[in-house]
Amino acid sequence: METTMRKQRDFDAELKALEDKARELKTRKVQQLGELVIATGADQLSTDELAGALVALAETKDAAKREAWAKRGVTFFESRSRRTAPASQRNVRSDPAQQGSSQSPAGGTGSQ
């Protein structure tokens, strides 16, 4: 009877690779959120004002308000893409948060 040796998995290396990937995704998300704050002009608010506004948004359960905010966000991104994209790429919405996160910063489906 022939026995085959299974290659041992290096769990420590796999865990480190997963931790590195998670750290990279978190860094990308933080960077994208910062870029969103700057792009919307919200960086002109004080930290307390911005935090208070975000807390109020996150606590809002009113579906109509959330939908209105989502539509306004879509309009914001579409107007930005029209200003910055060549004519052949206009009306193509770029959503950087989709790359590293399942939440859309303007979509209203996240924790707004």
PDB file of N, CA and C in Angstrom:
ATOM      1  N   MET A   1       0.836  -1.172   0.000  1.00  0.00           N
ATOM      2  CA  MET A   1       0.000   0.000   0.000  1.00  0.00           C
ATOM      3  C   MET A   1       0.881   1.236   0.000  1.00  0.00           C
ATOM      4  N   GLU A   2       0.574   2.167  -0.871  1.00  0.00           N
ATOM      5  CA  GLU A   2       1.390   3.365  -1.026  1.00  0.00           C
ATOM      6  C   GLU A   2       0.774   4.504  -0.228  1.00  0.00           C
ATOM      7  N   THR A   3       1.600   5.226   0.501  1.00  0.00           N
ATOM      8  CA  THR A   3       1.101   6.367   1.266  1.00  0.00           C
ATOM      9  C   THR A   3       1.579   7.651   0.606  1.00  0.00           C
ATOM     10  N   THR A   4       0.717   8.615   0.611  1.00  0.00           N
ATOM     11  CA  THR A   4       1.092   9.901   0.031  1.00  0.00           C
ATOM     12  C   THR A   4       1.188  10.927   1.151  1.00  0.00           C
ATOM     13  N   MET A   5       2.173  11.754   1.047  1.00  0.00           N
ATOM     14  CA  MET A   5       2.374  12.800   2.053  1.00  0.00           C
ATOM     15  C   MET A   5       1.644  14.058   1.595  1.00  0.00           C
ATOM     16  N   ARG A   6       0.835  14.575   2.457  1.00  0.00           N
ATOM     17  CA  ARG A   6       0.179  15.835   2.155  1.00  0.00           C
ATOM     18  C   ARG A   6       1.095  16.974   2.554  1.00  0.00           C
ATOM     19  N   LYS A   7       1.119  17.971   1.719  1.00  0.00           N
ATOM     20  CA  LYS A   7       1.918  19.139   2.026  1.00  0.00           C
ATOM     21  C   LYS A   7       1.268  19.864   3.200  1.00  0.00           C
ATOM     22  N   GLN A   8       2.061  20.139   4.206  1.00  0.00           N
ATOM     23  CA  GLN A   8       1.535  20.838   5.371  1.00  0.00           C
ATOM     24  C   GLN A   8       1.267  22.294   5.019  1.00  0.00           C
ATOM     25  N   ARG A   9       0.143  22.781   5.521  1.00  0.00           N
ATOM     26  CA  ARG A   9      -0.199  24.176   5.297  1.00  0.00           C
ATOM     27  C   ARG A   9       0.522  25.035   6.322  1.00  0.00           C
ATOM     28  N   ASP A  10       0.967  26.164   5.881  1.00  0.00           N
ATOM     29  CA  ASP A  10       1.614  27.117   6.771  1.00  0.00           C
ATOM     30  C   ASP A  10       0.545  28.100   7.238  1.00  0.00           C
ATOM     31  N   PHE A  11      -0.143  27.710   8.312  1.00  0.00           N
ATOM     32  CA  PHE A  11      -1.246  28.519   8.812  1.00  0.00           C
ATOM     33  C   PHE A  11      -0.794  29.908   9.244  1.00  0.00           C
ATOM     34  N   ASP A  12       0.399  30.000   9.824  1.00  0.00           N
ATOM     35  CA  ASP A  12       0.904  31.304  10.249  1.00  0.00           C
ATOM     36  C   ASP A  12       1.084  32.236   9.050  1.00  0.00           C
ATOM     37  N   ALA A  13       1.634  31.723   7.963  1.00  0.00           N
ATOM     38  CA  ALA A  13       1.839  32.541   6.766  1.00  0.00           C
ATOM     39  C   ALA A  13       0.500  32.925   6.143  1.00  0.00           C
ATOM     40  N   GLU A  14      -0.456  31.987   6.125  1.00  0.00           N
ATOM     41  CA  GLU A  14      -1.778  32.286   5.578  1.00  0.00           C
ATOM     42  C   GLU A  14      -2.488  33.334   6.421  1.00  0.00           C
ATOM     43  N   LEU A  15      -2.388  33.223   7.737  1.00  0.00           N
ATOM     44  CA  LEU A  15      -3.007  34.190   8.630  1.00  0.00           C
ATOM     45  C   LEU A  15      -2.385  35.569   8.456  1.00  0.00           C
ATOM     46  N   LYS A  16      -1.059  35.616   8.338  1.00  0.00           N
ATOM     47  CA  LYS A  16      -0.380  36.894   8.125  1.00  0.00           C
ATOM     48  C   LYS A  16      -0.813  37.517   6.806  1.00  0.00           C
ATOM     49  N   ALA A  17      -0.948  36.714   5.753  1.00  0.00           N
ATOM     50  CA  ALA A  17      -1.380  37.227   4.451  1.00  0.00           C
ATOM     51  C   ALA A  17      -2.803  37.791   4.542  1.00  0.00           C
ATOM     52  N   LEU A  18      -3.684  37.100   5.260  1.00  0.00           N
ATOM     53  CA  LEU A  18      -5.051  37.592   5.437  1.00  0.00           C
ATOM     54  C   LEU A  18      -5.077  38.884   6.245  1.00  0.00           C
ATOM     55  N   GLU A  19      -4.263  38.952   7.290  1.00  0.00           N
ATOM     56  CA  GLU A  19      -4.191  40.164   8.107  1.00  0.00           C
ATOM     57  C   GLU A  19      -3.659  41.334   7.283  1.00  0.00           C
ATOM     58  N   ASP A  20      -2.651  41.066   6.443  1.00  0.00           N
ATOM     59  CA  ASP A  20      -2.108  42.113   5.575  1.00  0.00           C
ATOM     60  C   ASP A  20      -3.159  42.608   4.598  1.00  0.00           C
ATOM     61  N   LYS A  21      -3.925  41.692   4.020  1.00  0.00           N
ATOM     62  CA  LYS A  21      -4.980  42.063   3.073  1.00  0.00           C
ATOM     63  C   LYS A  21      -6.062  42.886   3.779  1.00  0.00           C
ATOM     64  N   ALA A  22      -6.466  42.470   4.977  1.00  0.00           N
ATOM     65  CA  ALA A  22      -7.474  43.207   5.738  1.00  0.00           C
ATOM     66  C   ALA A  22      -6.980  44.612   6.066  1.00  0.00           C
ATOM     67  N   ARG A  23      -5.729  44.736   6.441  1.00  0.00           N
ATOM     68  CA  ARG A  23      -5.147  46.046   6.746  1.00  0.00           C
ATOM     69  C   ARG A  23      -5.119  46.928   5.489  1.00  0.00           C
ATOM     70  N   GLU A  24      -4.779  46.338   4.353  1.00  0.00           N
ATOM     71  CA  GLU A  24      -4.760  47.068   3.082  1.00  0.00           C
ATOM     72  C   GLU A  24      -6.162  47.564   2.707  1.00  0.00           C
ATOM     73  N   LEU A  25      -7.168  46.705   2.872  1.00  0.00           N
ATOM     74  CA  LEU A  25      -8.544  47.092   2.562  1.00  0.00           C
ATOM     75  C   LEU A  25      -9.032  48.207   3.487  1.00  0.00           C
ATOM     76  N   LYS A  26      -8.689  48.106   4.767  1.00  0.00           N
ATOM     77  CA  LYS A  26      -9.098  49.143   5.722  1.00  0.00           C
ATOM     78  C   LYS A  26      -8.427  50.467   5.387  1.00  0.00           C
ATOM     79  N   THR A  27      -7.149  50.430   5.031  1.00  0.00           N
ATOM     80  CA  THR A  27      -6.426  51.646   4.655  1.00  0.00           C
ATOM     81  C   THR A  27      -7.050  52.275   3.427  1.00  0.00           C
ATOM     82  N   ARG A  28      -7.405  51.448   2.438  1.00  0.00           N
ATOM     83  CA  ARG A  28      -8.036  51.955   1.214  1.00  0.00           C
ATOM     84  C   ARG A  28      -9.391  52.590   1.537  1.00  0.00           C
ATOM     85  N   LYS A  29     -10.162  51.952   2.407  1.00  0.00           N
ATOM     86  CA  LYS A  29     -11.477  52.489   2.780  1.00  0.00           C
ATOM     87  C   LYS A  29     -11.336  53.837   3.479  1.00  0.00           C
ATOM     88  N   VAL A  30     -10.389  53.939   4.411  1.00  0.00           N
ATOM     89  CA  VAL A  30     -10.169  55.194   5.128  1.00  0.00           C
ATOM     90  C   VAL A  30      -9.750  56.286   4.148  1.00  0.00           C
ATOM     91  N   GLN A  31      -8.874  55.958   3.215  1.00  0.00           N
ATOM     92  CA  GLN A  31      -8.427  56.934   2.217  1.00  0.00           C
ATOM     93  C   GLN A  31      -9.603  57.393   1.352  1.00  0.00           C
ATOM     94  N   GLN A  32     -10.424  56.458   0.912  1.00  0.00           N
ATOM     95  CA  GLN A  32     -11.561  56.798   0.065  1.00  0.00           C
ATOM     96  C   GLN A  32     -12.582  57.652   0.819  1.00  0.00           C
ATOM     97  N   LEU A  33     -12.806  57.360   2.080  1.00  0.00           N
ATOM     98  CA  LEU A  33     -13.728  58.178   2.872  1.00  0.00           C
ATOM     99  C   LEU A  33     -13.176  59.591   3.044  1.00  0.00           C
ATOM    100  N   GLY A  34     -11.872  59.703   3.258  1.00  0.00           N
ATOM    101  CA  GLY A  34     -11.249  61.019   3.346  1.00  0.00           C
ATOM    102  C   GLY A  34     -11.386  61.787   2.042  1.00  0.00           C
ATOM    103  N   GLU A  35     -11.184  61.095   0.929  1.00  0.00           N
ATOM    104  CA  GLU A  35     -11.337  61.729  -0.376  1.00  0.00           C
ATOM    105  C   GLU A  35     -12.778  62.188  -0.592  1.00  0.00           C
ATOM    106  N   LEU A  36     -13.732  61.402  -0.113  1.00  0.00           N
ATOM    107  CA  LEU A  36     -15.143  61.768  -0.237  1.00  0.00           C
ATOM    108  C   LEU A  36     -15.449  63.020   0.581  1.00  0.00           C
ATOM    109  N   VAL A  37     -14.927  63.095   1.787  1.00  0.00           N
ATOM    110  CA  VAL A  37     -15.131  64.270   2.636  1.00  0.00           C
ATOM    111  C   VAL A  37     -14.583  65.512   1.936  1.00  0.00           C
ATOM    112  N   ILE A  38     -13.407  65.393   1.349  1.00  0.00           N
ATOM    113  CA  ILE A  38     -12.790  66.531   0.662  1.00  0.00           C
ATOM    114  C   ILE A  38     -13.576  66.891  -0.597  1.00  0.00           C
ATOM    115  N   ALA A  39     -13.959  65.880  -1.382  1.00  0.00           N
ATOM    116  CA  ALA A  39     -14.668  66.123  -2.642  1.00  0.00           C
ATOM    117  C   ALA A  39     -16.005  66.815  -2.424  1.00  0.00           C
ATOM    118  N   THR A  40     -16.668  66.516  -1.314  1.00  0.00           N
ATOM    119  CA  THR A  40     -17.976  67.132  -1.043  1.00  0.00           C
ATOM    120  C   THR A  40     -17.854  68.502  -0.390  1.00  0.00           C
ATOM    121  N   GLY A  41     -16.649  68.876  -0.007  1.00  0.00           N
ATOM    122  CA  GLY A  41     -16.452  70.151   0.681  1.00  0.00           C
ATOM    123  C   GLY A  41     -16.684  70.052   2.176  1.00  0.00           C
ATOM    124  N   ALA A  42     -16.959  68.864   2.664  1.00  0.00           N
ATOM    125  CA  ALA A  42     -17.231  68.690   4.090  1.00  0.00           C
ATOM    126  C   ALA A  42     -15.978  68.863   4.943  1.00  0.00           C
ATOM    127  N   ASP A  43     -14.815  68.927   4.316  1.00  0.00           N
ATOM    128  CA  ASP A  43     -13.589  69.177   5.075  1.00  0.00           C
ATOM    129  C   ASP A  43     -13.534  70.613   5.597  1.00  0.00           C
ATOM    130  N   GLN A  44     -14.455  71.463   5.145  1.00  0.00           N
ATOM    131  CA  GLN A  44     -14.545  72.838   5.642  1.00  0.00           C
ATOM    132  C   GLN A  44     -15.267  72.898   6.989  1.00  0.00           C
ATOM    133  N   LEU A  45     -15.952  71.808   7.350  1.00  0.00           N
ATOM    134  CA  LEU A  45     -16.633  71.741   8.641  1.00  0.00           C
ATOM    135  C   LEU A  45     -15.623  71.427   9.734  1.00  0.00           C
ATOM    136  N   SER A  46     -15.958  71.795  10.961  1.00  0.00           N
ATOM    137  CA  SER A  46     -15.100  71.391  12.073  1.00  0.00           C
ATOM    138  C   SER A  46     -15.276  69.883  12.278  1.00  0.00           C
ATOM    139  N   THR A  47     -14.347  69.276  12.944  1.00  0.00           N
ATOM    140  CA  THR A  47     -14.430  67.843  13.228  1.00  0.00           C
ATOM    141  C   THR A  47     -15.702  67.518  14.003  1.00  0.00           C
ATOM    142  N   ASP A  48     -16.045  68.372  14.968  1.00  0.00           N
ATOM    143  CA  ASP A  48     -17.256  68.159  15.758  1.00  0.00           C
ATOM    144  C   ASP A  48     -18.507  68.252  14.891  1.00  0.00           C
ATOM    145  N   GLU A  49     -18.559  69.238  13.996  1.00  0.00           N
ATOM    146  CA  GLU A  49     -19.711  69.386  13.103  1.00  0.00           C
ATOM    147  C   GLU A  49     -19.854  68.175  12.185  1.00  0.00           C
ATOM    148  N   LEU A  50     -18.747  67.752  11.600  1.00  0.00           N
ATOM    149  CA  LEU A  50     -18.774  66.612  10.691  1.00  0.00           C
ATOM    150  C   LEU A  50     -19.191  65.343  11.430  1.00  0.00           C
ATOM    151  N   ALA A  51     -18.617  65.124  12.599  1.00  0.00           N
ATOM    152  CA  ALA A  51     -18.982  63.942  13.384  1.00  0.00           C
ATOM    153  C   ALA A  51     -20.458  63.977  13.765  1.00  0.00           C
ATOM    154  N   GLY A  52     -20.943  65.125  14.189  1.00  0.00           N
ATOM    155  CA  GLY A  52     -22.351  65.245  14.563  1.00  0.00           C
ATOM    156  C   GLY A  52     -23.277  64.973  13.392  1.00  0.00           C
ATOM    157  N   ALA A  53     -22.923  65.513  12.232  1.00  0.00           N
ATOM    158  CA  ALA A  53     -23.743  65.286  11.041  1.00  0.00           C
ATOM    159  C   ALA A  53     -23.745  63.806  10.655  1.00  0.00           C
ATOM    160  N   LEU A  54     -22.599  63.174  10.715  1.00  0.00           N
ATOM    161  CA  LEU A  54     -22.524  61.755  10.365  1.00  0.00           C
ATOM    162  C   LEU A  54     -23.287  60.887  11.358  1.00  0.00           C
ATOM    163  N   VAL A  55     -23.222  61.224  12.632  1.00  0.00           N
ATOM    164  CA  VAL A  55     -23.985  60.475  13.639  1.00  0.00           C
ATOM    165  C   VAL A  55     -25.480  60.617  13.354  1.00  0.00           C
ATOM    166  N   ALA A  56     -25.922  61.836  13.044  1.00  0.00           N
ATOM    167  CA  ALA A  56     -27.337  62.050  12.732  1.00  0.00           C
ATOM    168  C   ALA A  56     -27.748  61.246  11.501  1.00  0.00           C
ATOM    169  N   LEU A  57     -26.897  61.224  10.491  1.00  0.00           N
ATOM    170  CA  LEU A  57     -27.190  60.443   9.292  1.00  0.00           C
ATOM    171  C   LEU A  57     -27.295  58.953   9.620  1.00  0.00           C
ATOM    172  N   ALA A  58     -26.345  58.462  10.379  1.00  0.00           N
ATOM    173  CA  ALA A  58     -26.308  57.032  10.708  1.00  0.00           C
ATOM    174  C   ALA A  58     -27.516  56.621  11.546  1.00  0.00           C
ATOM    175  N   GLU A  59     -28.028  57.533  12.353  1.00  0.00           N
ATOM    176  CA  GLU A  59     -29.162  57.215  13.227  1.00  0.00           C
ATOM    177  C   GLU A  59     -30.515  57.371  12.537  1.00  0.00           C
ATOM    178  N   THR A  60     -30.534  58.002  11.368  1.00  0.00           N
ATOM    179  CA  THR A  60     -31.797  58.269  10.677  1.00  0.00           C
ATOM    180  C   THR A  60     -32.384  56.987  10.109  1.00  0.00           C
ATOM    181  N   LYS A  61     -33.635  56.729  10.471  1.00  0.00           N
ATOM    182  CA  LYS A  61     -34.351  55.544   9.985  1.00  0.00           C
ATOM    183  C   LYS A  61     -35.385  55.909   8.924  1.00  0.00           C
ATOM    184  N   ASP A  62     -35.596  57.214   8.712  1.00  0.00           N
ATOM    185  CA  ASP A  62     -36.588  57.701   7.756  1.00  0.00           C
ATOM    186  C   ASP A  62     -36.170  57.328   6.338  1.00  0.00           C
ATOM    187  N   ALA A  63     -36.891  56.375   5.748  1.00  0.00           N
ATOM    188  CA  ALA A  63     -36.550  55.864   4.422  1.00  0.00           C
ATOM    189  C   ALA A  63     -36.608  56.946   3.352  1.00  0.00           C
ATOM    190  N   ALA A  64     -37.554  57.867   3.455  1.00  0.00           N
ATOM    191  CA  ALA A  64     -37.681  58.933   2.458  1.00  0.00           C
ATOM    192  C   ALA A  64     -36.461  59.854   2.488  1.00  0.00           C
ATOM    193  N   LYS A  65     -35.998  60.189   3.686  1.00  0.00           N
ATOM    194  CA  LYS A  65     -34.799  61.024   3.809  1.00  0.00           C
ATOM    195  C   LYS A  65     -33.586  60.301   3.236  1.00  0.00           C
ATOM    196  N   ARG A  66     -33.459  59.031   3.578  1.00  0.00           N
ATOM    197  CA  ARG A  66     -32.310  58.261   3.104  1.00  0.00           C
ATOM    198  C   ARG A  66     -32.312  58.156   1.575  1.00  0.00           C
ATOM    199  N   GLU A  67     -33.497  57.959   0.998  1.00  0.00           N
ATOM    200  CA  GLU A  67     -33.620  57.884  -0.460  1.00  0.00           C
ATOM    201  C   GLU A  67     -33.264  59.223  -1.095  1.00  0.00           C
ATOM    202  N   ALA A  68     -33.718  60.318  -0.487  1.00  0.00           N
ATOM    203  CA  ALA A  68     -33.391  61.651  -1.005  1.00  0.00           C
ATOM    204  C   ALA A  68     -31.886  61.894  -0.950  1.00  0.00           C
ATOM    205  N   TRP A  69     -31.254  61.477   0.151  1.00  0.00           N
ATOM    206  CA  TRP A  69     -29.798  61.628   0.259  1.00  0.00           C
ATOM    207  C   TRP A  69     -29.083  60.784  -0.790  1.00  0.00           C
ATOM    208  N   ALA A  70     -29.594  59.581  -1.019  1.00  0.00           N
ATOM    209  CA  ALA A  70     -28.980  58.693  -2.018  1.00  0.00           C
ATOM    210  C   ALA A  70     -29.071  59.326  -3.409  1.00  0.00           C
ATOM    211  N   LYS A  71     -30.247  59.888  -3.746  1.00  0.00           N
ATOM    212  CA  LYS A  71     -30.413  60.534  -5.058  1.00  0.00           C
ATOM    213  C   LYS A  71     -29.477  61.725  -5.195  1.00  0.00           C
ATOM    214  N   ARG A  72     -29.349  62.482  -4.117  1.00  0.00           N
ATOM    215  CA  ARG A  72     -28.445  63.632  -4.147  1.00  0.00           C
ATOM    216  C   ARG A  72     -26.996  63.169  -4.319  1.00  0.00           C
ATOM    217  N   GLY A  73     -26.655  62.073  -3.705  1.00  0.00           N
ATOM    218  CA  GLY A  73     -25.306  61.518  -3.855  1.00  0.00           C
ATOM    219  C   GLY A  73     -25.047  61.065  -5.285  1.00  0.00           C
ATOM    220  N   VAL A  74     -26.020  60.395  -5.878  1.00  0.00           N
ATOM    221  CA  VAL A  74     -25.884  59.961  -7.271  1.00  0.00           C
ATOM    222  C   VAL A  74     -25.683  61.178  -8.170  1.00  0.00           C
ATOM    223  N   THR A  75     -26.480  62.216  -7.954  1.00  0.00           N
ATOM    224  CA  THR A  75     -26.358  63.445  -8.744  1.00  0.00           C
ATOM    225  C   THR A  75     -24.980  64.055  -8.568  1.00  0.00           C
ATOM    226  N   PHE A  76     -24.471  64.060  -7.348  1.00  0.00           N
ATOM    227  CA  PHE A  76     -23.138  64.594  -7.067  1.00  0.00           C
ATOM    228  C   PHE A  76     -22.083  63.844  -7.876  1.00  0.00           C
ATOM    229  N   PHE A  77     -22.112  62.512  -7.827  1.00  0.00           N
ATOM    230  CA  PHE A  77     -21.107  61.726  -8.545  1.00  0.00           C
ATOM    231  C   PHE A  77     -21.254  61.871 -10.053  1.00  0.00           C
ATOM    232  N   GLU A  78     -22.483  61.931 -10.542  1.00  0.00           N
ATOM    233  CA  GLU A  78     -22.693  62.090 -11.978  1.00  0.00           C
ATOM    234  C   GLU A  78     -22.188  63.448 -12.454  1.00  0.00           C
ATOM    235  N   SER A  79     -22.423  64.495 -11.685  1.00  0.00           N
ATOM    236  CA  SER A  79     -21.963  65.820 -12.096  1.00  0.00           C
ATOM    237  C   SER A  79     -20.442  65.887 -12.065  1.00  0.00           C
ATOM    238  N   ARG A  80     -19.826  65.215 -11.119  1.00  0.00           N
ATOM    239  CA  ARG A  80     -18.350  65.170 -11.060  1.00  0.00           C
ATOM    240  C   ARG A  80     -17.788  64.406 -12.245  1.00  0.00           C
ATOM    241  N   SER A  81     -18.426  63.299 -12.610  1.00  0.00           N
ATOM    242  CA  SER A  81     -17.895  62.502 -13.712  1.00  0.00           C
ATOM    243  C   SER A  81     -18.058  63.236 -15.038  1.00  0.00           C
ATOM    244  N   ARG A  82     -19.104  64.038 -15.183  1.00  0.00           N
ATOM    245  CA  ARG A  82     -19.286  64.818 -16.420  1.00  0.00           C
ATOM    246  C   ARG A  82     -18.215  65.891 -16.542  1.00  0.00           C
ATOM    247  N   ARG A  83     -17.812  66.461 -15.409  1.00  0.00           N
ATOM    248  CA  ARG A  83     -16.794  67.515 -15.441  1.00  0.00           C
ATOM    249  C   ARG A  83     -15.406  66.959 -15.687  1.00  0.00           C
ATOM    250  N   THR A  84     -15.141  65.740 -15.227  1.00  0.00           N
ATOM    251  CA  THR A  84     -13.772  65.216 -15.273  1.00  0.00           C
ATOM    252  C   THR A  84     -13.545  64.161 -16.333  1.00  0.00           C
ATOM    253  N   ALA A  85     -14.598  63.515 -16.838  1.00  0.00           N
ATOM    254  CA  ALA A  85     -14.425  62.431 -17.798  1.00  0.00           C
ATOM    255  C   ALA A  85     -14.458  62.963 -19.225  1.00  0.00           C
ATOM    256  N   PRO A  86     -13.710  62.303 -20.132  1.00  0.00           N
ATOM    257  CA  PRO A  86     -13.830  62.645 -21.549  1.00  0.00           C
ATOM    258  C   PRO A  86     -15.256  62.370 -22.020  1.00  0.00           C
ATOM    259  N   ALA A  87     -15.656  62.993 -23.110  1.00  0.00           N
ATOM    260  CA  ALA A  87     -17.030  62.871 -23.610  1.00  0.00           C
ATOM    261  C   ALA A  87     -17.437  61.422 -23.812  1.00  0.00           C
ATOM    262  N   SER A  88     -16.506  60.570 -24.210  1.00  0.00           N
ATOM    263  CA  SER A  88     -16.841  59.167 -24.468  1.00  0.00           C
ATOM    264  C   SER A  88     -17.174  58.397 -23.198  1.00  0.00           C
ATOM    265  N   GLN A  89     -16.780  58.934 -22.037  1.00  0.00           N
ATOM    266  CA  GLN A  89     -17.013  58.223 -20.777  1.00  0.00           C
ATOM    267  C   GLN A  89     -18.029  58.930 -19.901  1.00  0.00           C
ATOM    268  N   ARG A  90     -18.677  59.944 -20.380  1.00  0.00           N
ATOM    269  CA  ARG A  90     -19.653  60.664 -19.566  1.00  0.00           C
ATOM    270  C   ARG A  90     -20.820  59.769 -19.211  1.00  0.00           C
ATOM    271  N   ASN A  91     -21.423  60.080 -18.085  1.00  0.00           N
ATOM    272  CA  ASN A  91     -22.564  59.331 -17.546  1.00  0.00           C
ATOM    273  C   ASN A  91     -22.170  57.942 -17.060  1.00  0.00           C
ATOM    274  N   VAL A  92     -20.894  57.655 -16.961  1.00  0.00           N
ATOM    275  CA  VAL A  92     -20.435  56.399 -16.374  1.00  0.00           C
ATOM    276  C   VAL A  92     -20.038  56.730 -14.955  1.00  0.00           C
ATOM    277  N   ARG A  93     -20.800  56.222 -14.011  1.00  0.00           N
ATOM    278  CA  ARG A  93     -20.564  56.551 -12.610  1.00  0.00           C
ATOM    279  C   ARG A  93     -19.432  55.706 -12.071  1.00  0.00           C
ATOM    280  N   SER A  94     -18.446  56.361 -11.503  1.00  0.00           N
ATOM    281  CA  SER A  94     -17.325  55.688 -10.869  1.00  0.00           C
ATOM    282  C   SER A  94     -17.576  55.681  -9.382  1.00  0.00           C
ATOM    283  N   ASP A  95     -17.547  54.512  -8.759  1.00  0.00           N
ATOM    284  CA  ASP A  95     -17.811  54.410  -7.339  1.00  0.00           C
ATOM    285  C   ASP A  95     -16.601  53.791  -6.653  1.00  0.00           C
ATOM    286  N   PRO A  96     -15.621  54.622  -6.175  1.00  0.00           N
ATOM    287  CA  PRO A  96     -14.391  54.078  -5.616  1.00  0.00           C
ATOM    288  C   PRO A  96     -14.605  53.199  -4.398  1.00  0.00           C
ATOM    289  N   ALA A  97     -15.650  53.399  -3.659  1.00  0.00           N
ATOM    290  CA  ALA A  97     -15.860  52.579  -2.474  1.00  0.00           C
ATOM    291  C   ALA A  97     -16.166  51.144  -2.831  1.00  0.00           C
ATOM    292  N   GLN A  98     -16.663  50.870  -4.030  1.00  0.00           N
ATOM    293  CA  GLN A  98     -16.968  49.507  -4.440  1.00  0.00           C
ATOM    294  C   GLN A  98     -15.700  48.658  -4.523  1.00  0.00           C
ATOM    295  N   GLN A  99     -14.554  49.287  -4.732  1.00  0.00           N
ATOM    296  CA  GLN A  99     -13.327  48.524  -4.860  1.00  0.00           C
ATOM    297  C   GLN A  99     -12.953  47.839  -3.555  1.00  0.00           C
ATOM    298  N   GLY A 100     -13.109  48.550  -2.460  1.00  0.00           N
ATOM    299  CA  GLY A 100     -12.664  47.966  -1.212  1.00  0.00           C
ATOM    300  C   GLY A 100     -13.746  47.765  -0.189  1.00  0.00           C
ATOM    301  N   SER A 101     -14.953  48.013  -0.513  1.00  0.00           N
ATOM    302  CA  SER A 101     -16.022  47.956   0.451  1.00  0.00           C
ATOM    303  C   SER A 101     -17.327  47.649  -0.239  1.00  0.00           C
ATOM    304  N   SER A 102     -18.232  47.038   0.514  1.00  0.00           N
ATOM    305  CA  SER A 102     -19.541  46.751  -0.053  1.00  0.00           C
ATOM    306  C   SER A 102     -20.484  47.930   0.125  1.00  0.00           C
ATOM    307  N   GLN A 103     -20.033  48.971   0.827  1.00  0.00           N
ATOM    308  CA  GLN A 103     -20.878  50.124   1.050  1.00  0.00           C
ATOM    309  C   GLN A 103     -20.569  51.193   0.035  1.00  0.00           C
ATOM    310  N   SER A 104     -21.603  51.796  -0.488  1.00  0.00           N
ATOM    311  CA  SER A 104     -21.445  52.912  -1.400  1.00  0.00           C
ATOM    312  C   SER A 104     -21.564  54.194  -0.605  1.00  0.00           C
ATOM    313  N   PRO A 105     -20.638  55.138  -0.781  1.00  0.00           N
ATOM    314  CA  PRO A 105     -20.704  56.342   0.018  1.00  0.00           C
ATOM    315  C   PRO A 105     -21.939  57.180  -0.265  1.00  0.00           C
ATOM    316  N   ALA A 106     -22.536  57.038  -1.440  1.00  0.00           N
ATOM    317  CA  ALA A 106     -23.708  57.842  -1.767  1.00  0.00           C
ATOM    318  C   ALA A 106     -24.954  57.002  -1.933  1.00  0.00           C
ATOM    319  N   GLY A 107     -24.827  55.717  -1.783  1.00  0.00           N
ATOM    320  CA  GLY A 107     -25.916  54.828  -2.133  1.00  0.00           C
ATOM    321  C   GLY A 107     -27.048  54.734  -1.148  1.00  0.00           C
ATOM    322  N   GLY A 108     -26.862  55.130   0.079  1.00  0.00           N
ATOM    323  CA  GLY A 108     -27.920  55.068   1.056  1.00  0.00           C
ATOM    324  C   GLY A 108     -28.189  53.651   1.561  1.00  0.00           C
ATOM    325  N   THR A 109     -27.468  52.667   1.036  1.00  0.00           N
ATOM    326  CA  THR A 109     -27.678  51.301   1.478  1.00  0.00           C
ATOM    327  C   THR A 109     -26.682  50.929   2.554  1.00  0.00           C
ATOM    328  N   GLY A 110     -25.734  51.795   2.794  1.00  0.00           N
ATOM    329  CA  GLY A 110     -24.760  51.557   3.849  1.00  0.00           C
ATOM    330  C   GLY A 110     -25.332  51.977   5.180  1.00  0.00           C
ATOM    331  N   SER A 111     -24.507  52.494   6.054  1.00  0.00           N
ATOM    332  CA  SER A 111     -24.954  52.875   7.397  1.00  0.00           C
ATOM    333  C   SER A 111     -25.172  54.366   7.481  1.00  0.00           C
ATOM    334  N   GLN A 112     -25.882  54.955   6.531  1.00  0.00           N
ATOM    335  CA  GLN A 112     -26.146  56.386   6.561  1.00  0.00           C
ATOM    336  C   GLN A 112     -27.251  56.703   7.521  1.00  0.00           C
TER     337      GLN A 112
END
